[in-house]
Amino acid sequence: MDRARELFIRQSQNLLLKDYLPKIERCLEVLPNADLWWRQNQASNSVGNLLLHLAGNLHQWIVAGVGGVEDNRQRAQEFSADGGNDAAALLEELRSTVQQAVQVLHELEQDLLEQSRTIQGIQITTLGAIYHAVEHFSMHVGQIIYITKLRTGRDLEFYTIGEDGAVQRGWCST
């Protein structure tokens, strides 16, 4: 069972750092600055909102919730923001949070995965908190990709398909 726990932690780290974050970086390379805070309507979020939200949520669930540091999240501000920071500043904040989360997971003792925690008023195991944070991150990365494609009309070239039909990742080194 220890091997499965180790693989779970490593996979969670790799998804955040080597899969999801590079996709966001690619989106921000092609998304015009004028579109960073664009919203389809008031019920929707902009890429800027989603970047703030990802940093806030990952900090709350992993860095604070699992790592034990103070949780100073201002969730409502993540969604009410409609400008201010540029893409570089938002990306730097997100990169820093992802690095902190990866470090928390690196230092996590495997026997603590079954430990109960309360995050956002939800009683959950450490494993459940990690699983939630990673899948939540993935969902919003998909939204960022969709908005970027919608606003730019571009293929982001995450994958290429060879003549043999094999799919190859074209955007990261893993």
C-alpha atoms as a PDB file:
ATOM      1  CA  MET A   1       0.000   0.000   0.000  1.00  0.00           C
ATOM      2  CA  ASP A   2       2.902   2.391   0.619  1.00  0.00           C
ATOM      3  CA  ARG A   3       3.811   2.245  -3.077  1.00  0.00           C
ATOM      4  CA  ALA A   4       0.259   3.255  -4.069  1.00  0.00           C
ATOM      5  CA  ARG A   5       0.375   6.190  -1.663  1.00  0.00           C
ATOM      6  CA  GLU A   6       3.719   7.293  -3.050  1.00  0.00           C
ATOM      7  CA  LEU A   7       2.392   7.056  -6.613  1.00  0.00           C
ATOM      8  CA  PHE A   8      -0.719   9.039  -5.673  1.00  0.00           C
ATOM      9  CA  ILE A   9       1.376  11.873  -4.244  1.00  0.00           C
ATOM     10  CA  ARG A  10       3.791  11.882  -7.183  1.00  0.00           C
ATOM     11  CA  GLN A  11       0.950  11.848  -9.723  1.00  0.00           C
ATOM     12  CA  SER A  12      -0.777  14.731  -7.923  1.00  0.00           C
ATOM     13  CA  GLN A  13       2.448  16.761  -7.974  1.00  0.00           C
ATOM     14  CA  ASN A  14       3.080  16.003 -11.650  1.00  0.00           C
ATOM     15  CA  LEU A  15      -0.437  16.911 -12.717  1.00  0.00           C
ATOM     16  CA  LEU A  16      -0.268  20.290 -10.998  1.00  0.00           C
ATOM     17  CA  LEU A  17       3.295  21.211 -11.951  1.00  0.00           C
ATOM     18  CA  LYS A  18       3.968  19.463 -15.250  1.00  0.00           C
ATOM     19  CA  ASP A  19       0.546  19.136 -16.868  1.00  0.00           C
ATOM     20  CA  TYR A  20      -1.926  21.789 -15.733  1.00  0.00           C
ATOM     21  CA  LEU A  21       0.459  24.706 -15.115  1.00  0.00           C
ATOM     22  CA  PRO A  22       2.140  24.444 -18.559  1.00  0.00           C
ATOM     23  CA  LYS A  23      -1.287  24.437 -20.205  1.00  0.00           C
ATOM     24  CA  ILE A  24      -2.174  27.652 -18.389  1.00  0.00           C
ATOM     25  CA  GLU A  25       1.181  29.153 -19.350  1.00  0.00           C
ATOM     26  CA  ARG A  26       0.522  28.286 -22.999  1.00  0.00           C
ATOM     27  CA  CYS A  27      -2.902  29.914 -22.847  1.00  0.00           C
ATOM     28  CA  LEU A  28      -1.448  33.096 -21.400  1.00  0.00           C
ATOM     29  CA  GLU A  29       1.199  33.182 -24.142  1.00  0.00           C
ATOM     30  CA  VAL A  30      -1.489  33.546 -26.803  1.00  0.00           C
ATOM     31  CA  LEU A  31      -4.381  35.227 -24.972  1.00  0.00           C
ATOM     32  CA  PRO A  32      -4.377  38.979 -25.674  1.00  0.00           C
ATOM     33  CA  ASN A  33      -4.089  41.126 -22.529  1.00  0.00           C
ATOM     34  CA  ALA A  34      -7.407  42.738 -23.407  1.00  0.00           C
ATOM     35  CA  ASP A  35      -9.083  39.331 -23.039  1.00  0.00           C
ATOM     36  CA  LEU A  36      -7.626  38.432 -19.626  1.00  0.00           C
ATOM     37  CA  TRP A  37     -10.616  39.937 -17.790  1.00  0.00           C
ATOM     38  CA  TRP A  38     -13.247  39.267 -20.494  1.00  0.00           C
ATOM     39  CA  ARG A  39     -16.422  37.555 -19.277  1.00  0.00           C
ATOM     40  CA  GLN A  40     -19.171  36.154 -21.455  1.00  0.00           C
ATOM     41  CA  ASN A  41     -21.686  37.417 -18.886  1.00  0.00           C
ATOM     42  CA  GLN A  42     -21.940  38.129 -15.141  1.00  0.00           C
ATOM     43  CA  ALA A  43     -22.565  34.450 -14.373  1.00  0.00           C
ATOM     44  CA  SER A  44     -19.229  33.551 -15.998  1.00  0.00           C
ATOM     45  CA  ASN A  45     -15.634  34.019 -14.924  1.00  0.00           C
ATOM     46  CA  SER A  46     -12.755  35.562 -16.791  1.00  0.00           C
ATOM     47  CA  VAL A  47      -9.364  33.906 -17.138  1.00  0.00           C
ATOM     48  CA  GLY A  48      -8.131  36.454 -14.586  1.00  0.00           C
ATOM     49  CA  ASN A  49     -10.811  35.351 -12.106  1.00  0.00           C
ATOM     50  CA  LEU A  50      -9.941  31.708 -12.687  1.00  0.00           C
ATOM     51  CA  LEU A  51      -6.235  32.334 -12.077  1.00  0.00           C
ATOM     52  CA  LEU A  52      -7.025  34.080  -8.792  1.00  0.00           C
ATOM     53  CA  HIS A  53      -9.437  31.293  -7.882  1.00  0.00           C
ATOM     54  CA  LEU A  54      -6.958  28.510  -8.648  1.00  0.00           C
ATOM     55  CA  ALA A  55      -4.285  30.124  -6.493  1.00  0.00           C
ATOM     56  CA  GLY A  56      -6.752  30.733  -3.658  1.00  0.00           C
ATOM     57  CA  ASN A  57      -8.277  27.275  -3.748  1.00  0.00           C
ATOM     58  CA  LEU A  58      -4.970  25.412  -4.008  1.00  0.00           C
ATOM     59  CA  HIS A  59      -3.544  27.455  -1.160  1.00  0.00           C
ATOM     60  CA  GLN A  60      -6.590  26.814   1.003  1.00  0.00           C
ATOM     61  CA  TRP A  61      -6.850  23.078   0.339  1.00  0.00           C
ATOM     62  CA  ILE A  62      -3.200  22.001   0.108  1.00  0.00           C
ATOM     63  CA  VAL A  63      -0.863  24.667   1.484  1.00  0.00           C
ATOM     64  CA  ALA A  64      -3.087  25.579   4.446  1.00  0.00           C
ATOM     65  CA  GLY A  65      -5.462  22.632   4.718  1.00  0.00           C
ATOM     66  CA  VAL A  66      -2.832  19.913   4.394  1.00  0.00           C
ATOM     67  CA  GLY A  67       0.341  21.885   5.125  1.00  0.00           C
ATOM     68  CA  GLY A  68      -1.016  23.639   8.181  1.00  0.00           C
ATOM     69  CA  VAL A  69      -0.140  27.250   7.387  1.00  0.00           C
ATOM     70  CA  GLU A  70      -2.612  30.054   8.033  1.00  0.00           C
ATOM     71  CA  ASP A  71      -5.514  30.258   5.591  1.00  0.00           C
ATOM     72  CA  ASN A  72      -6.060  33.897   4.610  1.00  0.00           C
ATOM     73  CA  ARG A  73      -8.159  33.269   1.513  1.00  0.00           C
ATOM     74  CA  GLN A  74     -10.546  35.963   0.268  1.00  0.00           C
ATOM     75  CA  ARG A  75     -12.689  33.760  -1.983  1.00  0.00           C
ATOM     76  CA  ALA A  76     -15.293  36.389  -2.913  1.00  0.00           C
ATOM     77  CA  GLN A  77     -12.572  38.706  -4.232  1.00  0.00           C
ATOM     78  CA  GLU A  78     -11.375  35.994  -6.612  1.00  0.00           C
ATOM     79  CA  PHE A  79     -14.695  36.200  -8.445  1.00  0.00           C
ATOM     80  CA  SER A  80     -15.483  39.907  -8.074  1.00  0.00           C
ATOM     81  CA  ALA A  81     -12.162  41.133  -9.510  1.00  0.00           C
ATOM     82  CA  ASP A  82     -12.493  42.655 -12.947  1.00  0.00           C
ATOM     83  CA  GLY A  83      -8.995  43.902 -13.575  1.00  0.00           C
ATOM     84  CA  GLY A  84      -5.904  45.126 -11.830  1.00  0.00           C
ATOM     85  CA  ASN A  85      -3.280  42.438 -12.161  1.00  0.00           C
ATOM     86  CA  ASP A  86      -1.813  41.546 -15.529  1.00  0.00           C
ATOM     87  CA  ALA A  87      -1.229  38.011 -16.753  1.00  0.00           C
ATOM     88  CA  ALA A  88       2.407  37.942 -15.632  1.00  0.00           C
ATOM     89  CA  ALA A  89       1.537  38.874 -12.035  1.00  0.00           C
ATOM     90  CA  LEU A  90      -1.349  36.417 -11.862  1.00  0.00           C
ATOM     91  CA  LEU A  91       0.783  33.647 -13.328  1.00  0.00           C
ATOM     92  CA  GLU A  92       3.605  34.336 -10.891  1.00  0.00           C
ATOM     93  CA  GLU A  93       1.193  34.076  -7.957  1.00  0.00           C
ATOM     94  CA  LEU A  94      -0.190  30.812  -9.310  1.00  0.00           C
ATOM     95  CA  ARG A  95       3.289  29.372  -9.973  1.00  0.00           C
ATOM     96  CA  SER A  96       4.305  30.210  -6.425  1.00  0.00           C
ATOM     97  CA  THR A  97       1.200  28.552  -5.006  1.00  0.00           C
ATOM     98  CA  VAL A  98       1.703  25.436  -7.137  1.00  0.00           C
ATOM     99  CA  GLN A  99       5.329  25.221  -5.964  1.00  0.00           C
ATOM    100  CA  GLN A 100       4.204  25.552  -2.340  1.00  0.00           C
ATOM    101  CA  ALA A 101       1.584  22.837  -2.817  1.00  0.00           C
ATOM    102  CA  VAL A 102       4.094  20.501  -4.480  1.00  0.00           C
ATOM    103  CA  GLN A 103       6.457  21.068  -1.554  1.00  0.00           C
ATOM    104  CA  VAL A 104       3.717  20.326   0.995  1.00  0.00           C
ATOM    105  CA  LEU A 105       2.959  17.084  -0.826  1.00  0.00           C
ATOM    106  CA  HIS A 106       6.668  16.224  -0.978  1.00  0.00           C
ATOM    107  CA  GLU A 107       7.001  16.628   2.787  1.00  0.00           C
ATOM    108  CA  LEU A 108       3.742  14.848   3.633  1.00  0.00           C
ATOM    109  CA  GLU A 109       4.192  11.692   5.634  1.00  0.00           C
ATOM    110  CA  GLN A 110       2.335   8.875   3.930  1.00  0.00           C
ATOM    111  CA  ASP A 111       0.579   7.737   7.092  1.00  0.00           C
ATOM    112  CA  LEU A 112      -1.190  11.122   7.221  1.00  0.00           C
ATOM    113  CA  LEU A 113      -3.234  10.467   4.057  1.00  0.00           C
ATOM    114  CA  GLU A 114      -6.008   8.934   6.144  1.00  0.00           C
ATOM    115  CA  GLN A 115      -5.994  11.745   8.710  1.00  0.00           C
ATOM    116  CA  SER A 116      -9.236  13.720   8.935  1.00  0.00           C
ATOM    117  CA  ARG A 117      -9.171  17.461   8.263  1.00  0.00           C
ATOM    118  CA  THR A 118     -11.739  20.228   8.031  1.00  0.00           C
ATOM    119  CA  ILE A 119     -11.374  22.500   5.007  1.00  0.00           C
ATOM    120  CA  GLN A 120     -14.064  25.005   3.991  1.00  0.00           C
ATOM    121  CA  GLY A 121     -16.193  23.452   6.718  1.00  0.00           C
ATOM    122  CA  ILE A 122     -15.947  20.049   5.024  1.00  0.00           C
ATOM    123  CA  GLN A 123     -14.740  17.036   7.004  1.00  0.00           C
ATOM    124  CA  ILE A 124     -12.384  15.145   4.657  1.00  0.00           C
ATOM    125  CA  THR A 125      -9.304  12.939   4.720  1.00  0.00           C
ATOM    126  CA  THR A 126      -5.967  14.316   3.588  1.00  0.00           C
ATOM    127  CA  LEU A 127      -6.160  12.027   0.560  1.00  0.00           C
ATOM    128  CA  GLY A 128      -9.631  13.381  -0.206  1.00  0.00           C
ATOM    129  CA  ALA A 129      -8.386  16.966   0.107  1.00  0.00           C
ATOM    130  CA  ILE A 130      -5.554  16.336  -2.329  1.00  0.00           C
ATOM    131  CA  TYR A 131      -7.833  14.537  -4.751  1.00  0.00           C
ATOM    132  CA  HIS A 132     -10.366  17.370  -4.589  1.00  0.00           C
ATOM    133  CA  ALA A 133      -7.746  20.084  -5.121  1.00  0.00           C
ATOM    134  CA  VAL A 134      -6.199  18.350  -8.126  1.00  0.00           C
ATOM    135  CA  GLU A 135      -9.512  17.576  -9.854  1.00  0.00           C
ATOM    136  CA  HIS A 136     -10.784  21.093  -9.104  1.00  0.00           C
ATOM    137  CA  PHE A 137      -7.640  22.553 -10.641  1.00  0.00           C
ATOM    138  CA  SER A 138      -8.147  20.399 -13.738  1.00  0.00           C
ATOM    139  CA  MET A 139     -11.720  21.573 -14.215  1.00  0.00           C
ATOM    140  CA  HIS A 140     -10.739  25.233 -14.221  1.00  0.00           C
ATOM    141  CA  VAL A 141      -7.760  24.620 -16.506  1.00  0.00           C
ATOM    142  CA  GLY A 142     -10.294  23.274 -18.990  1.00  0.00           C
ATOM    143  CA  GLN A 143     -12.270  26.505 -18.676  1.00  0.00           C
ATOM    144  CA  ILE A 144      -9.136  28.591 -19.258  1.00  0.00           C
ATOM    145  CA  ILE A 145      -8.347  26.535 -22.352  1.00  0.00           C
ATOM    146  CA  TYR A 146     -11.901  26.949 -23.641  1.00  0.00           C
ATOM    147  CA  ILE A 147     -11.920  30.712 -23.102  1.00  0.00           C
ATOM    148  CA  THR A 148      -8.512  31.026 -24.765  1.00  0.00           C
ATOM    149  CA  LYS A 149      -9.649  29.071 -27.808  1.00  0.00           C
ATOM    150  CA  LEU A 150     -12.909  31.027 -27.914  1.00  0.00           C
ATOM    151  CA  ARG A 151     -11.158  34.394 -27.812  1.00  0.00           C
ATOM    152  CA  THR A 152      -8.216  33.543 -30.102  1.00  0.00           C
ATOM    153  CA  GLY A 153      -9.579  30.910 -32.468  1.00  0.00           C
ATOM    154  CA  ARG A 154      -6.247  29.100 -32.140  1.00  0.00           C
ATOM    155  CA  ASP A 155      -5.222  25.505 -31.693  1.00  0.00           C
ATOM    156  CA  LEU A 156      -3.040  25.526 -28.590  1.00  0.00           C
ATOM    157  CA  GLU A 157      -0.988  22.584 -29.869  1.00  0.00           C
ATOM    158  CA  PHE A 158      -1.053  20.581 -26.662  1.00  0.00           C
ATOM    159  CA  TYR A 159      -1.022  17.353 -28.654  1.00  0.00           C
ATOM    160  CA  THR A 160       0.071  16.133 -32.038  1.00  0.00           C
ATOM    161  CA  ILE A 161      -1.123  12.965 -33.685  1.00  0.00           C
ATOM    162  CA  GLY A 162       1.478  11.019 -35.616  1.00  0.00           C
ATOM    163  CA  GLU A 163       0.913   9.155 -38.851  1.00  0.00           C
ATOM    164  CA  ASP A 164       0.544   5.961 -36.807  1.00  0.00           C
ATOM    165  CA  GLY A 165      -2.268   7.572 -34.808  1.00  0.00           C
ATOM    166  CA  ALA A 166      -0.196   7.856 -31.649  1.00  0.00           C
ATOM    167  CA  VAL A 167      -0.840  10.944 -29.557  1.00  0.00           C
ATOM    168  CA  GLN A 168       2.202  12.930 -28.481  1.00  0.00           C
ATOM    169  CA  ARG A 169       2.276  15.781 -26.052  1.00  0.00           C
ATOM    170  CA  GLY A 170       3.729  18.855 -27.658  1.00  0.00           C
ATOM    171  CA  TRP A 171       3.793  21.248 -24.724  1.00  0.00           C
ATOM    172  CA  CYS A 172       5.818  19.809 -21.846  1.00  0.00           C
ATOM    173  CA  SER A 173       8.809  17.640 -21.079  1.00  0.00           C
ATOM    174  CA  THR A 174       7.151  14.823 -19.113  1.00  0.00           C
END
